[in-house]
Amino acid sequence: MSTELEIALVLGTAFLWVTVTLTILSAIDRPERKARRQERRDIRTEKRRIEYRPVAAGTHAQGRNRHPRSRRLHPH
């Protein structure tokens, strides 16, 4: 066997081994990555939501005289 053929065979085998190994590792890690992605998506949607709290009971009558458009809910 010539030296060039041996080198090509070794490099081809190494490339094949790396490709197969990465494919197997990627397939094993896929459900975990999917769960992490979903968790990040849930966190982002929670940050976009604005939570409101009700106005105190006695503030409606006082606020209407000063402000014609009073809000009933106040953001946190």
N, C-alpha and C. Protein backbone atom coordinates (compact mmCIF):
# COMPACT_ATOMS: atom_id res chain seq x y z
N MET A 1 0.84 -1.18 0.00
CA MET A 1 0.00 0.00 0.00
C MET A 1 0.89 1.25 0.00
N SER A 2 0.53 2.23 -0.78
CA SER A 2 1.35 3.44 -0.83
C SER A 2 1.10 4.32 0.39
N THR A 3 2.02 5.18 0.67
CA THR A 3 1.93 6.07 1.84
C THR A 3 0.75 7.03 1.71
N GLU A 4 0.53 7.54 0.50
CA GLU A 4 -0.58 8.48 0.31
C GLU A 4 -1.92 7.82 0.57
N LEU A 5 -2.06 6.56 0.16
CA LEU A 5 -3.30 5.83 0.37
C LEU A 5 -3.52 5.56 1.86
N GLU A 6 -2.45 5.24 2.57
CA GLU A 6 -2.56 5.00 4.00
C GLU A 6 -2.97 6.28 4.74
N ILE A 7 -2.38 7.40 4.36
CA ILE A 7 -2.73 8.68 4.98
C ILE A 7 -4.19 9.03 4.70
N ALA A 8 -4.61 8.83 3.47
CA ALA A 8 -6.00 9.12 3.10
C ALA A 8 -6.96 8.21 3.87
N LEU A 9 -6.59 6.95 4.04
CA LEU A 9 -7.43 6.01 4.78
C LEU A 9 -7.53 6.41 6.26
N VAL A 10 -6.42 6.81 6.86
CA VAL A 10 -6.42 7.23 8.28
C VAL A 10 -7.24 8.51 8.45
N LEU A 11 -7.04 9.48 7.58
CA LEU A 11 -7.81 10.72 7.68
C LEU A 11 -9.30 10.50 7.44
N GLY A 12 -9.63 9.65 6.49
CA GLY A 12 -11.04 9.34 6.22
C GLY A 12 -11.68 8.63 7.40
N THR A 13 -10.96 7.70 8.01
CA THR A 13 -11.48 7.00 9.18
C THR A 13 -11.68 7.96 10.35
N ALA A 14 -10.71 8.86 10.57
CA ALA A 14 -10.83 9.84 11.66
C ALA A 14 -12.02 10.77 11.42
N PHE A 15 -12.20 11.22 10.18
CA PHE A 15 -13.34 12.09 9.87
C PHE A 15 -14.66 11.36 10.09
N LEU A 16 -14.74 10.12 9.67
CA LEU A 16 -15.95 9.33 9.86
C LEU A 16 -16.23 9.13 11.35
N TRP A 17 -15.18 8.83 12.12
CA TRP A 17 -15.36 8.61 13.56
C TRP A 17 -15.86 9.88 14.24
N VAL A 18 -15.30 11.05 13.91
CA VAL A 18 -15.74 12.32 14.50
C VAL A 18 -17.18 12.61 14.11
N THR A 19 -17.53 12.40 12.85
CA THR A 19 -18.89 12.66 12.38
C THR A 19 -19.91 11.79 13.11
N VAL A 20 -19.63 10.50 13.23
CA VAL A 20 -20.55 9.58 13.91
C VAL A 20 -20.66 9.94 15.38
N THR A 21 -19.53 10.26 16.03
CA THR A 21 -19.55 10.60 17.45
C THR A 21 -20.38 11.85 17.70
N LEU A 22 -20.19 12.88 16.89
CA LEU A 22 -20.96 14.11 17.07
C LEU A 22 -22.44 13.89 16.79
N THR A 23 -22.76 13.05 15.84
CA THR A 23 -24.16 12.75 15.55
C THR A 23 -24.82 12.05 16.73
N ILE A 24 -24.13 11.10 17.32
CA ILE A 24 -24.68 10.38 18.48
C ILE A 24 -24.85 11.32 19.67
N LEU A 25 -23.83 12.14 19.94
CA LEU A 25 -23.93 13.08 21.06
C LEU A 25 -25.05 14.10 20.84
N SER A 26 -25.23 14.54 19.64
CA SER A 26 -26.30 15.49 19.34
C SER A 26 -27.67 14.85 19.54
N ALA A 27 -27.82 13.60 19.15
CA ALA A 27 -29.10 12.91 19.32
C ALA A 27 -29.41 12.68 20.79
N ILE A 28 -28.39 12.43 21.58
CA ILE A 28 -28.61 12.20 23.02
C ILE A 28 -29.02 13.50 23.69
N ASP A 29 -28.43 14.62 23.33
CA ASP A 29 -28.64 15.91 24.00
C ASP A 29 -29.90 16.62 23.53
N ARG A 30 -30.53 16.17 22.46
CA ARG A 30 -31.64 16.91 21.86
C ARG A 30 -32.81 17.16 22.82
N PRO A 31 -33.33 16.18 23.58
CA PRO A 31 -34.46 16.48 24.48
C PRO A 31 -34.09 17.50 25.56
N GLU A 32 -32.87 17.45 26.05
CA GLU A 32 -32.46 18.41 27.08
C GLU A 32 -32.39 19.82 26.49
N ARG A 33 -31.85 19.95 25.29
CA ARG A 33 -31.80 21.27 24.65
C ARG A 33 -33.21 21.79 24.38
N LYS A 34 -34.10 20.92 23.98
CA LYS A 34 -35.47 21.32 23.71
C LYS A 34 -36.14 21.82 24.99
N ALA A 35 -35.91 21.14 26.11
CA ALA A 35 -36.49 21.57 27.39
C ALA A 35 -35.92 22.92 27.82
N ARG A 36 -34.60 23.11 27.64
CA ARG A 36 -33.99 24.40 28.00
C ARG A 36 -34.54 25.52 27.14
N ARG A 37 -34.71 25.25 25.86
CA ARG A 37 -35.25 26.27 24.95
C ARG A 37 -36.67 26.66 25.36
N GLN A 38 -37.49 25.68 25.72
CA GLN A 38 -38.86 25.95 26.16
C GLN A 38 -38.86 26.77 27.45
N GLU A 39 -37.95 26.44 28.36
CA GLU A 39 -37.87 27.18 29.62
C GLU A 39 -37.49 28.64 29.37
N ARG A 40 -36.52 28.89 28.49
CA ARG A 40 -36.16 30.27 28.16
C ARG A 40 -37.32 31.01 27.51
N ARG A 41 -38.06 30.33 26.66
CA ARG A 41 -39.22 30.95 26.01
C ARG A 41 -40.27 31.34 27.05
N ASP A 42 -40.51 30.46 28.03
CA ASP A 42 -41.49 30.75 29.08
C ASP A 42 -41.05 31.96 29.92
N ILE A 43 -39.75 32.04 30.21
CA ILE A 43 -39.24 33.17 31.00
C ILE A 43 -39.42 34.47 30.23
N ARG A 44 -39.15 34.45 28.92
CA ARG A 44 -39.31 35.67 28.12
C ARG A 44 -40.76 36.11 28.08
N THR A 45 -41.70 35.19 27.95
CA THR A 45 -43.10 35.58 27.89
C THR A 45 -43.58 36.12 29.23
N GLU A 46 -43.04 35.61 30.34
CA GLU A 46 -43.42 36.14 31.65
C GLU A 46 -42.93 37.57 31.82
N LYS A 47 -41.75 37.89 31.30
CA LYS A 47 -41.22 39.24 31.42
C LYS A 47 -42.04 40.24 30.61
N ARG A 48 -42.65 39.81 29.53
CA ARG A 48 -43.42 40.73 28.69
C ARG A 48 -44.79 41.05 29.28
N ARG A 49 -45.28 40.19 30.15
CA ARG A 49 -46.60 40.44 30.74
C ARG A 49 -46.52 41.55 31.78
N ILE A 50 -47.51 42.44 31.78
CA ILE A 50 -47.59 43.49 32.78
C ILE A 50 -48.64 43.07 33.80
N GLU A 51 -48.23 43.02 35.03
CA GLU A 51 -49.18 42.65 36.08
C GLU A 51 -49.82 43.93 36.62
N TYR A 52 -51.10 43.86 36.87
CA TYR A 52 -51.84 45.00 37.38
C TYR A 52 -52.38 44.68 38.76
N ARG A 53 -52.49 45.71 39.57
CA ARG A 53 -53.09 45.54 40.89
C ARG A 53 -54.26 46.51 40.99
N PRO A 54 -55.29 46.15 41.72
CA PRO A 54 -56.46 47.04 41.81
C PRO A 54 -56.13 48.32 42.59
N VAL A 55 -56.86 49.38 42.27
CA VAL A 55 -56.69 50.66 42.95
C VAL A 55 -57.34 50.56 44.32
N ALA A 56 -56.78 51.28 45.28
CA ALA A 56 -57.38 51.30 46.63
C ALA A 56 -58.80 51.85 46.56
N ALA A 57 -59.66 51.42 47.46
CA ALA A 57 -61.09 51.72 47.41
C ALA A 57 -61.39 53.21 47.50
N GLY A 58 -60.71 53.97 48.33
CA GLY A 58 -61.07 55.37 48.54
C GLY A 58 -60.51 56.33 47.51
N THR A 59 -59.70 55.92 46.59
CA THR A 59 -59.04 56.86 45.68
C THR A 59 -59.88 57.23 44.46
N HIS A 60 -60.96 56.54 44.16
CA HIS A 60 -61.74 56.83 42.95
C HIS A 60 -62.42 58.19 43.01
N ALA A 61 -63.10 58.49 44.09
CA ALA A 61 -63.85 59.74 44.19
C ALA A 61 -62.91 60.95 44.21
N GLN A 62 -61.77 60.84 44.84
CA GLN A 62 -60.84 61.96 44.91
C GLN A 62 -60.18 62.20 43.55
N GLY A 63 -59.83 61.15 42.85
CA GLY A 63 -59.09 61.29 41.60
C GLY A 63 -59.93 61.80 40.46
N ARG A 64 -61.22 61.63 40.48
CA ARG A 64 -62.06 62.03 39.33
C ARG A 64 -62.13 63.54 39.19
N ASN A 65 -62.09 64.26 40.27
CA ASN A 65 -62.17 65.72 40.17
C ASN A 65 -60.90 66.29 39.56
N ARG A 66 -59.76 65.71 39.87
CA ARG A 66 -58.50 66.23 39.38
C ARG A 66 -58.15 65.70 38.00
N HIS A 67 -58.45 64.45 37.74
CA HIS A 67 -58.08 63.81 36.48
C HIS A 67 -59.34 63.26 35.81
N PRO A 68 -59.74 63.80 34.68
CA PRO A 68 -60.97 63.30 34.03
C PRO A 68 -60.86 61.85 33.58
N ARG A 69 -59.66 61.42 33.16
CA ARG A 69 -59.50 60.02 32.75
C ARG A 69 -58.68 59.30 33.81
N SER A 70 -59.32 58.70 34.75
CA SER A 70 -58.57 58.00 35.80
C SER A 70 -58.43 56.53 35.41
N ARG A 71 -57.30 55.98 35.76
CA ARG A 71 -57.08 54.55 35.51
C ARG A 71 -57.60 53.75 36.67
N ARG A 72 -58.12 52.58 36.36
CA ARG A 72 -58.62 51.72 37.42
C ARG A 72 -57.57 50.73 37.87
N LEU A 73 -56.58 50.41 37.00
CA LEU A 73 -55.53 49.48 37.35
C LEU A 73 -54.18 50.17 37.22
N HIS A 74 -53.28 49.85 38.13
CA HIS A 74 -51.94 50.43 38.11
C HIS A 74 -50.92 49.33 37.91
N PRO A 75 -49.96 49.53 37.02
CA PRO A 75 -48.94 48.49 36.84
C PRO A 75 -48.03 48.41 38.05
N HIS A 76 -47.51 47.24 38.29
CA HIS A 76 -46.56 47.04 39.41
C HIS A 76 -45.27 47.71 39.10
